[in-house]
């Protein structure tokens, strides 16, 4: 495995030389069995609260349905991917990002024989723990929680907890970030790769549309390997992932495309995510989120029904305030800053 890159620890799919479920074979109904390392759906699944199995759906298919129908997933439509509350409706939100991650992940998982329902459920729900204004909320909310605020952990353990999802789905969501421990399933590892592949490609496309960068700015180390447009880039990354998994039997990406992905991500950080204006707006967002959380801790009645009976400053009140603020959309948080904090609109974060 010297010429491939893994996101976490190596997770096996099967022996090298996997039998791929290519399109022509699937059209003829001749698909190979699930890969040896694929997750197995069994009955109602391993859930915190036992349930009866569904007559028609596997446990992972039920998880996907529950996430798609959840309020947490719907709220992603109002949470930014890169640009805070943009005027351009074509720029991505966390919702469209999740949908695109799901497409990439399933396109990798299907031909190598992994469970596509588990893959889709984890990909669809992977960012449900994000607060308003994207990653800026993590730093702002971290001081209020023991161990800090990580969107992947918070999404699995708090936001999606009421859905009673399968242990494998929650694990894949909790550990999709590369700075987290390895997922326990190959499907979860595919989602980790799909997240990174999707966001570097579509964030660059959005930045071009917003006039932040130009198509020709993309380094040759990226464009010479995967091309300059999103469609070509996704196709080449997905194909390389499938071929690498088939060749090695492990969820990994061969060196040329892995190096191109790393260079792509580094370019995006330098030219898009960490450019001075973006940092300024992230700082504004963090100050707003901190101020809103502090306000709700001091005045739990402003949380709404979840704040009834809570005592200002108590641990339960802090937890309720964090949950309330983390669930806000970008526009709701901005409106709350004006209505509750008396902030002038000029202080609010804006698309940068």
Foldseek 3Di string as FASTA:
>chain_A
DVFWFALAPWQFQAAAQFQWQDPVCVVVVNGDAATPQADDFDALAAFPDDDGGDPPDTNLLLLQVLLVPDPLLVLQLQAADFFHPDPDSVADTSNVLLVQLLVLLLLQCRGRRHDSSLLNSLSSQLQSQFAHPGPLQQVLLQVLDVVGDDSQQCSLPPVCNVVRGHPLSSQLSNALDSVRHDRPGLSSSSSSVSSLQSCLQSVVVNCCVVVLDPLVVQDCLQCVQQHRHSVSNSVRQSVQQNNVCNRHSIRIGGNSNVSNSVSSVVVCVVRGCPDPLNVVLSVLVSVLLNVQLLLCLQVVVVLPPCSPPDDRPDSSSSVSSSVSRRSDRSVRSLVCCCVVVVDDSVSHRGTD
